[in-house]
Amino acid sequence: MYRHVRAKLSARRARRDANLGGPISTEPRINERIRVPEVRLVGPNGEQVGIVSIHDALKLAQEADLDLVEVAATARPPVCKLMDYGKFKYESAMKAREARKNQAHTIIKEIKLRPKIDPHDYETKKGHVVRFLKAGDKVKVTIMFRGREQSRPELGFRLLQKLAEDVTELGFVESQPKQDGRNMIMVIGPHKKKAEAKAEKAAAKAQRGGEESSPDEEASAPSEEVSAQEA
């Protein structure tokens, strides 16, 4: 009985999948897959050819050893362009890969303070905040209250204000101080974006590497060193 039910369900799913016609393709139609009577044709260099029959467009693509690619299917008539579709796909994939490689995600760092923190510890914690902001990261600053300190929230508020003022050249208050149970939280965002911070760090590293040279190189090329100093 159960086997019969499973068979019926499988058959029903098969009919449903067949009716759906499989997954929808995101690829544009090319060459013979373009089934319309006429298209608005664009040349390989972006020049407007005009409205031509699909037969003539395919003929032009064949003569130029290119593909006919539908770039605007919803237009009337559809817009098609002559191009090397394989090369186009490869270059698009490489650009997308490079974009993902260079994409930088902002990370939220966290620093925890006590409302009655001593000056030395405060400077240490502030140094961490400065380092995070220079790297293009957000900083979540948490003031932790204990015991009777909970009745003095103004201490934490003043401390957060002082920290925000001390790092104002590197960041801004993205989320104002707010009480969260026994804690008070503030978020500081960097003025520089993560990608900009990474680029500056890479440039500084490259500059340091260029300035470093071995004693043998300096001894063998005294004239270059003089010219560099004159420049």
C-alpha atoms as a PDB file:
ATOM      1  CA  MET A   1       0.000   0.000   0.000  1.00  0.00           C
ATOM      2  CA  TYR A   2       2.700   2.459   1.027  1.00  0.00           C
ATOM      3  CA  ARG A   3       4.708   1.559  -2.053  1.00  0.00           C
ATOM      4  CA  HIS A   4       1.704   2.383  -4.231  1.00  0.00           C
ATOM      5  CA  VAL A   5       1.261   5.768  -2.518  1.00  0.00           C
ATOM      6  CA  ARG A   6       4.944   6.633  -2.976  1.00  0.00           C
ATOM      7  CA  ALA A   7       4.727   5.734  -6.662  1.00  0.00           C
ATOM      8  CA  LYS A   8       1.727   8.024  -7.132  1.00  0.00           C
ATOM      9  CA  LEU A   9       3.516  10.891  -5.373  1.00  0.00           C
ATOM     10  CA  SER A  10       6.616  10.412  -7.521  1.00  0.00           C
ATOM     11  CA  ALA A  11       4.510  10.461 -10.678  1.00  0.00           C
ATOM     12  CA  ARG A  12       2.746  13.621  -9.502  1.00  0.00           C
ATOM     13  CA  ARG A  13       6.072  15.375  -8.823  1.00  0.00           C
ATOM     14  CA  ALA A  14       7.345  14.321 -12.269  1.00  0.00           C
ATOM     15  CA  ARG A  15       4.271  15.806 -13.969  1.00  0.00           C
ATOM     16  CA  ARG A  16       4.628  19.008 -11.941  1.00  0.00           C
ATOM     17  CA  ASP A  17       8.303  19.403 -12.894  1.00  0.00           C
ATOM     18  CA  ALA A  18       7.452  18.775 -16.536  1.00  0.00           C
ATOM     19  CA  ASN A  19       4.760  21.458 -16.460  1.00  0.00           C
ATOM     20  CA  LEU A  20       7.153  23.949 -14.896  1.00  0.00           C
ATOM     21  CA  GLY A  21       9.549  23.384 -17.757  1.00  0.00           C
ATOM     22  CA  GLY A  22      12.661  23.101 -15.601  1.00  0.00           C
ATOM     23  CA  PRO A  23      14.748  25.935 -14.142  1.00  0.00           C
ATOM     24  CA  ILE A  24      14.469  29.397 -15.680  1.00  0.00           C
ATOM     25  CA  SER A  25      17.667  30.320 -17.533  1.00  0.00           C
ATOM     26  CA  THR A  26      19.281  33.672 -16.811  1.00  0.00           C
ATOM     27  CA  GLU A  27      21.430  33.444 -19.948  1.00  0.00           C
ATOM     28  CA  PRO A  28      20.434  35.719 -22.853  1.00  0.00           C
ATOM     29  CA  ARG A  29      19.196  34.143 -26.045  1.00  0.00           C
ATOM     30  CA  ILE A  30      21.817  33.941 -28.779  1.00  0.00           C
ATOM     31  CA  ASN A  31      21.858  33.148 -32.499  1.00  0.00           C
ATOM     32  CA  GLU A  32      19.178  30.617 -33.549  1.00  0.00           C
ATOM     33  CA  ARG A  33      17.570  30.696 -30.088  1.00  0.00           C
ATOM     34  CA  ILE A  34      16.275  34.200 -30.876  1.00  0.00           C
ATOM     35  CA  ARG A  35      12.871  33.460 -32.385  1.00  0.00           C
ATOM     36  CA  VAL A  36      11.363  36.778 -33.423  1.00  0.00           C
ATOM     37  CA  PRO A  37      10.717  38.109 -36.929  1.00  0.00           C
ATOM     38  CA  GLU A  38      12.889  41.229 -36.563  1.00  0.00           C
ATOM     39  CA  VAL A  39      15.320  42.867 -34.146  1.00  0.00           C
ATOM     40  CA  ARG A  40      16.892  46.239 -33.517  1.00  0.00           C
ATOM     41  CA  LEU A  41      20.524  45.520 -34.304  1.00  0.00           C
ATOM     42  CA  VAL A  42      23.575  47.082 -32.652  1.00  0.00           C
ATOM     43  CA  GLY A  43      26.997  46.602 -34.207  1.00  0.00           C
ATOM     44  CA  PRO A  44      30.069  45.219 -32.403  1.00  0.00           C
ATOM     45  CA  ASN A  45      31.359  48.737 -31.663  1.00  0.00           C
ATOM     46  CA  GLY A  46      28.008  50.037 -30.418  1.00  0.00           C
ATOM     47  CA  GLU A  47      26.887  51.546 -33.718  1.00  0.00           C
ATOM     48  CA  GLN A  48      23.156  51.497 -34.470  1.00  0.00           C
ATOM     49  CA  VAL A  49      22.381  49.356 -37.523  1.00  0.00           C
ATOM     50  CA  GLY A  50      18.607  49.678 -37.216  1.00  0.00           C
ATOM     51  CA  ILE A  51      15.670  47.312 -37.435  1.00  0.00           C
ATOM     52  CA  VAL A  52      16.452  44.266 -39.568  1.00  0.00           C
ATOM     53  CA  SER A  53      14.944  40.836 -40.033  1.00  0.00           C
ATOM     54  CA  ILE A  54      16.251  38.048 -37.851  1.00  0.00           C
ATOM     55  CA  HIS A  55      17.485  36.310 -40.999  1.00  0.00           C
ATOM     56  CA  ASP A  56      19.616  39.302 -42.018  1.00  0.00           C
ATOM     57  CA  ALA A  57      20.902  39.766 -38.460  1.00  0.00           C
ATOM     58  CA  LEU A  58      22.030  36.138 -38.269  1.00  0.00           C
ATOM     59  CA  LYS A  59      23.644  36.473 -41.689  1.00  0.00           C
ATOM     60  CA  LEU A  60      25.593  39.565 -40.589  1.00  0.00           C
ATOM     61  CA  ALA A  61      26.729  37.764 -37.432  1.00  0.00           C
ATOM     62  CA  GLN A  62      27.918  34.776 -39.479  1.00  0.00           C
ATOM     63  CA  GLU A  63      29.799  36.977 -41.953  1.00  0.00           C
ATOM     64  CA  ALA A  64      31.534  38.829 -39.090  1.00  0.00           C
ATOM     65  CA  ASP A  65      32.287  35.553 -37.279  1.00  0.00           C
ATOM     66  CA  LEU A  66      30.396  36.876 -34.237  1.00  0.00           C
ATOM     67  CA  ASP A  67      27.340  35.923 -32.206  1.00  0.00           C
ATOM     68  CA  LEU A  68      23.953  37.582 -32.265  1.00  0.00           C
ATOM     69  CA  VAL A  69      23.077  38.235 -28.608  1.00  0.00           C
ATOM     70  CA  GLU A  70      19.721  39.478 -27.324  1.00  0.00           C
ATOM     71  CA  VAL A  71      20.542  42.279 -24.867  1.00  0.00           C
ATOM     72  CA  ALA A  72      17.030  43.743 -24.347  1.00  0.00           C
ATOM     73  CA  ALA A  73      14.390  41.053 -24.685  1.00  0.00           C
ATOM     74  CA  THR A  74      11.482  43.230 -23.477  1.00  0.00           C
ATOM     75  CA  ALA A  75      12.030  45.957 -26.076  1.00  0.00           C
ATOM     76  CA  ARG A  76       9.815  46.053 -29.154  1.00  0.00           C
ATOM     77  CA  PRO A  77      11.443  44.830 -31.286  1.00  0.00           C
ATOM     78  CA  PRO A  78      14.084  43.143 -29.091  1.00  0.00           C
ATOM     79  CA  VAL A  79      17.549  44.693 -29.154  1.00  0.00           C
ATOM     80  CA  CYS A  80      20.365  42.424 -30.277  1.00  0.00           C
ATOM     81  CA  LYS A  81      24.088  43.050 -30.502  1.00  0.00           C
ATOM     82  CA  LEU A  82      26.864  41.500 -32.547  1.00  0.00           C
ATOM     83  CA  MET A  83      29.633  40.289 -30.231  1.00  0.00           C
ATOM     84  CA  ASP A  84      31.969  37.447 -29.362  1.00  0.00           C
ATOM     85  CA  TYR A  85      29.737  35.933 -26.701  1.00  0.00           C
ATOM     86  CA  GLY A  86      32.360  33.522 -25.358  1.00  0.00           C
ATOM     87  CA  LYS A  87      34.836  36.362 -24.847  1.00  0.00           C
ATOM     88  CA  PHE A  88      32.102  38.528 -23.327  1.00  0.00           C
ATOM     89  CA  LYS A  89      31.176  35.833 -20.794  1.00  0.00           C
ATOM     90  CA  TYR A  90      34.818  35.275 -19.858  1.00  0.00           C
ATOM     91  CA  GLU A  91      35.519  38.985 -19.330  1.00  0.00           C
ATOM     92  CA  SER A  92      32.317  39.405 -17.310  1.00  0.00           C
ATOM     93  CA  ALA A  93      33.258  36.467 -15.073  1.00  0.00           C
ATOM     94  CA  MET A  94      36.757  37.882 -14.526  1.00  0.00           C
ATOM     95  CA  LYS A  95      35.367  41.324 -13.632  1.00  0.00           C
ATOM     96  CA  ALA A  96      32.923  39.789 -11.164  1.00  0.00           C
ATOM     97  CA  ARG A  97      35.711  37.711  -9.636  1.00  0.00           C
ATOM     98  CA  GLU A  98      37.955  40.769  -9.291  1.00  0.00           C
ATOM     99  CA  ALA A  99      35.112  42.745  -7.717  1.00  0.00           C
ATOM    100  CA  ARG A 100      34.523  39.991  -5.154  1.00  0.00           C
ATOM    101  CA  LYS A 101      38.251  39.836  -4.450  1.00  0.00           C
ATOM    102  CA  ASN A 102      38.501  43.577  -3.808  1.00  0.00           C
ATOM    103  CA  GLN A 103      35.277  43.746  -1.827  1.00  0.00           C
ATOM    104  CA  ALA A 104      35.923  44.607   1.801  1.00  0.00           C
ATOM    105  CA  HIS A 105      33.469  43.897   4.590  1.00  0.00           C
ATOM    106  CA  THR A 106      33.265  46.217   7.563  1.00  0.00           C
ATOM    107  CA  ILE A 107      33.874  44.356  10.807  1.00  0.00           C
ATOM    108  CA  ILE A 108      32.462  45.465  14.146  1.00  0.00           C
ATOM    109  CA  LYS A 109      35.104  45.350  16.874  1.00  0.00           C
ATOM    110  CA  GLU A 110      34.187  45.617  20.546  1.00  0.00           C
ATOM    111  CA  ILE A 111      35.904  47.388  23.398  1.00  0.00           C
ATOM    112  CA  LYS A 112      34.704  47.064  27.008  1.00  0.00           C
ATOM    113  CA  LEU A 113      35.325  49.727  29.648  1.00  0.00           C
ATOM    114  CA  ARG A 114      34.478  50.284  33.294  1.00  0.00           C
ATOM    115  CA  PRO A 115      32.987  53.651  34.274  1.00  0.00           C
ATOM    116  CA  LYS A 116      35.847  54.298  36.748  1.00  0.00           C
ATOM    117  CA  ILE A 117      38.679  53.192  34.463  1.00  0.00           C
ATOM    118  CA  ASP A 118      42.130  54.571  35.369  1.00  0.00           C
ATOM    119  CA  PRO A 119      43.893  56.919  32.890  1.00  0.00           C
ATOM    120  CA  HIS A 120      46.536  54.370  31.797  1.00  0.00           C
ATOM    121  CA  ASP A 121      43.965  51.709  30.962  1.00  0.00           C
ATOM    122  CA  TYR A 122      41.853  54.300  29.195  1.00  0.00           C
ATOM    123  CA  GLU A 123      44.745  55.278  26.931  1.00  0.00           C
ATOM    124  CA  THR A 124      45.353  51.616  26.144  1.00  0.00           C
ATOM    125  CA  LYS A 125      41.709  51.051  25.244  1.00  0.00           C
ATOM    126  CA  LYS A 126      41.626  54.257  23.202  1.00  0.00           C
ATOM    127  CA  GLY A 127      44.667  53.040  21.280  1.00  0.00           C
ATOM    128  CA  HIS A 128      42.726  49.927  20.271  1.00  0.00           C
ATOM    129  CA  VAL A 129      39.815  52.065  19.092  1.00  0.00           C
ATOM    130  CA  VAL A 130      42.178  54.236  17.045  1.00  0.00           C
ATOM    131  CA  ARG A 131      43.738  51.169  15.437  1.00  0.00           C
ATOM    132  CA  PHE A 132      40.340  49.702  14.555  1.00  0.00           C
ATOM    133  CA  LEU A 133      39.072  52.959  13.045  1.00  0.00           C
ATOM    134  CA  LYS A 134      42.248  53.389  10.985  1.00  0.00           C
ATOM    135  CA  ALA A 135      41.643  49.902   9.592  1.00  0.00           C
ATOM    136  CA  GLY A 136      38.142  50.970   8.529  1.00  0.00           C
ATOM    137  CA  ASP A 137      36.270  48.918  11.140  1.00  0.00           C
ATOM    138  CA  LYS A 138      33.367  49.966  13.319  1.00  0.00           C
ATOM    139  CA  VAL A 139      33.839  49.893  17.073  1.00  0.00           C
ATOM    140  CA  LYS A 140      31.195  48.928  19.599  1.00  0.00           C
ATOM    141  CA  VAL A 141      32.117  50.498  22.941  1.00  0.00           C
ATOM    142  CA  THR A 142      30.499  48.918  25.978  1.00  0.00           C
ATOM    143  CA  ILE A 143      30.525  50.434  29.465  1.00  0.00           C
ATOM    144  CA  MET A 144      29.963  47.720  32.088  1.00  0.00           C
ATOM    145  CA  PHE A 145      28.305  48.801  35.347  1.00  0.00           C
ATOM    146  CA  ARG A 146      28.570  46.772  38.554  1.00  0.00           C
ATOM    147  CA  GLY A 147      26.848  47.121  41.898  1.00  0.00           C
ATOM    148  CA  ARG A 148      26.261  50.724  42.890  1.00  0.00           C
ATOM    149  CA  GLU A 149      27.724  51.942  39.598  1.00  0.00           C
ATOM    150  CA  GLN A 150      24.344  51.186  38.037  1.00  0.00           C
ATOM    151  CA  SER A 151      22.900  54.181  39.861  1.00  0.00           C
ATOM    152  CA  ARG A 152      25.456  56.481  38.152  1.00  0.00           C
ATOM    153  CA  PRO A 153      24.818  56.075  34.403  1.00  0.00           C
ATOM    154  CA  GLU A 154      26.099  59.604  33.821  1.00  0.00           C
ATOM    155  CA  LEU A 155      29.640  58.323  34.521  1.00  0.00           C
ATOM    156  CA  GLY A 156      29.439  55.959  31.570  1.00  0.00           C
ATOM    157  CA  PHE A 157      27.808  58.592  29.375  1.00  0.00           C
ATOM    158  CA  ARG A 158      30.583  61.108  30.053  1.00  0.00           C
ATOM    159  CA  LEU A 159      33.238  58.466  29.402  1.00  0.00           C
ATOM    160  CA  LEU A 160      31.705  57.593  26.048  1.00  0.00           C
ATOM    161  CA  GLN A 161      31.486  61.262  25.127  1.00  0.00           C
ATOM    162  CA  LYS A 162      35.162  61.742  26.008  1.00  0.00           C
ATOM    163  CA  LEU A 163      36.181  58.756  23.873  1.00  0.00           C
ATOM    164  CA  ALA A 164      34.128  59.992  20.916  1.00  0.00           C
ATOM    165  CA  GLU A 165      35.774  63.417  21.157  1.00  0.00           C
ATOM    166  CA  ASP A 166      39.265  61.886  21.413  1.00  0.00           C
ATOM    167  CA  VAL A 167      38.837  59.928  18.162  1.00  0.00           C
ATOM    168  CA  THR A 168      36.703  62.446  16.254  1.00  0.00           C
ATOM    169  CA  GLU A 169      39.360  62.785  13.518  1.00  0.00           C
ATOM    170  CA  LEU A 170      39.105  59.075  12.733  1.00  0.00           C
ATOM    171  CA  GLY A 171      35.458  58.263  13.394  1.00  0.00           C
ATOM    172  CA  PHE A 172      31.977  59.495  14.179  1.00  0.00           C
ATOM    173  CA  VAL A 173      29.253  58.383  16.561  1.00  0.00           C
ATOM    174  CA  GLU A 174      27.057  56.107  14.474  1.00  0.00           C
ATOM    175  CA  SER A 175      24.858  54.997  17.363  1.00  0.00           C
ATOM    176  CA  GLN A 176      24.392  57.295  20.348  1.00  0.00           C
ATOM    177  CA  PRO A 177      24.982  55.923  23.874  1.00  0.00           C
ATOM    178  CA  LYS A 178      22.042  53.904  25.144  1.00  0.00           C
ATOM    179  CA  GLN A 179      21.421  51.811  28.221  1.00  0.00           C
ATOM    180  CA  ASP A 180      21.181  48.062  27.689  1.00  0.00           C
ATOM    181  CA  GLY A 181      20.551  46.365  31.027  1.00  0.00           C
ATOM    182  CA  ARG A 182      23.721  46.735  33.108  1.00  0.00           C
ATOM    183  CA  ASN A 183      25.659  48.058  30.128  1.00  0.00           C
ATOM    184  CA  MET A 184      25.768  51.258  28.119  1.00  0.00           C
ATOM    185  CA  ILE A 185      26.607  50.891  24.418  1.00  0.00           C
ATOM    186  CA  MET A 186      27.825  53.282  21.726  1.00  0.00           C
ATOM    187  CA  VAL A 187      28.944  52.513  18.168  1.00  0.00           C
ATOM    188  CA  ILE A 188      31.659  54.550  16.441  1.00  0.00           C
ATOM    189  CA  GLY A 189      31.949  54.334  12.670  1.00  0.00           C
ATOM    190  CA  PRO A 190      35.143  55.075  10.696  1.00  0.00           C
ATOM    191  CA  HIS A 191      35.440  58.059   8.370  1.00  0.00           C
ATOM    192  CA  LYS A 192      37.420  55.874   5.954  1.00  0.00           C
ATOM    193  CA  LYS A 193      35.839  52.952   4.197  1.00  0.00           C
ATOM    194  CA  LYS A 194      37.358  49.521   4.645  1.00  0.00           C
ATOM    195  CA  ALA A 195      38.535  49.393   1.028  1.00  0.00           C
ATOM    196  CA  GLU A 196      40.248  52.797   1.342  1.00  0.00           C
ATOM    197  CA  ALA A 197      42.013  51.734   4.536  1.00  0.00           C
ATOM    198  CA  LYS A 198      43.237  48.530   2.889  1.00  0.00           C
ATOM    199  CA  ALA A 199      44.502  50.456  -0.148  1.00  0.00           C
ATOM    200  CA  GLU A 200      46.393  52.938   2.032  1.00  0.00           C
ATOM    201  CA  LYS A 201      47.923  50.116   4.055  1.00  0.00           C
ATOM    202  CA  ALA A 202      49.057  48.321   0.903  1.00  0.00           C
ATOM    203  CA  ALA A 203      50.526  51.547  -0.526  1.00  0.00           C
ATOM    204  CA  ALA A 204      52.417  52.261   2.710  1.00  0.00           C
ATOM    205  CA  LYS A 205      53.756  48.706   2.760  1.00  0.00           C
ATOM    206  CA  ALA A 206      54.902  48.987  -0.854  1.00  0.00           C
ATOM    207  CA  GLN A 207      56.594  52.307  -0.111  1.00  0.00           C
ATOM    208  CA  ARG A 208      58.456  50.851   2.858  1.00  0.00           C
ATOM    209  CA  GLY A 209      59.568  47.937   0.704  1.00  0.00           C
ATOM    210  CA  GLY A 210      60.849  50.301  -1.972  1.00  0.00           C
ATOM    211  CA  GLU A 211      62.824  52.360   0.525  1.00  0.00           C
ATOM    212  CA  GLU A 212      64.581  49.307   1.933  1.00  0.00           C
ATOM    213  CA  SER A 213      67.705  48.299   0.000  1.00  0.00           C
ATOM    214  CA  SER A 214      70.679  46.097   0.753  1.00  0.00           C
ATOM    215  CA  PRO A 215      74.178  47.537   1.479  1.00  0.00           C
ATOM    216  CA  ASP A 216      75.503  45.890  -1.703  1.00  0.00           C
ATOM    217  CA  GLU A 217      72.926  47.699  -3.834  1.00  0.00           C
ATOM    218  CA  GLU A 218      73.717  51.027  -2.180  1.00  0.00           C
ATOM    219  CA  ALA A 219      77.465  50.561  -2.696  1.00  0.00           C
ATOM    220  CA  SER A 220      77.131  49.468  -6.323  1.00  0.00           C
ATOM    221  CA  ALA A 221      74.897  52.385  -7.354  1.00  0.00           C
ATOM    222  CA  PRO A 222      76.085  55.598  -5.690  1.00  0.00           C
ATOM    223  CA  SER A 223      75.074  57.778  -8.648  1.00  0.00           C
ATOM    224  CA  GLU A 224      71.419  56.638  -8.379  1.00  0.00           C
ATOM    225  CA  GLU A 225      71.325  57.548  -4.691  1.00  0.00           C
ATOM    226  CA  VAL A 226      72.640  61.057  -5.404  1.00  0.00           C
ATOM    227  CA  SER A 227      70.124  61.640  -8.174  1.00  0.00           C
ATOM    228  CA  ALA A 228      67.289  60.466  -5.938  1.00  0.00           C
ATOM    229  CA  GLN A 229      68.352  62.906  -3.227  1.00  0.00           C
ATOM    230  CA  GLU A 230      68.515  65.743  -5.725  1.00  0.00           C
ATOM    231  CA  ALA A 231      65.012  64.917  -6.948  1.00  0.00           C
END
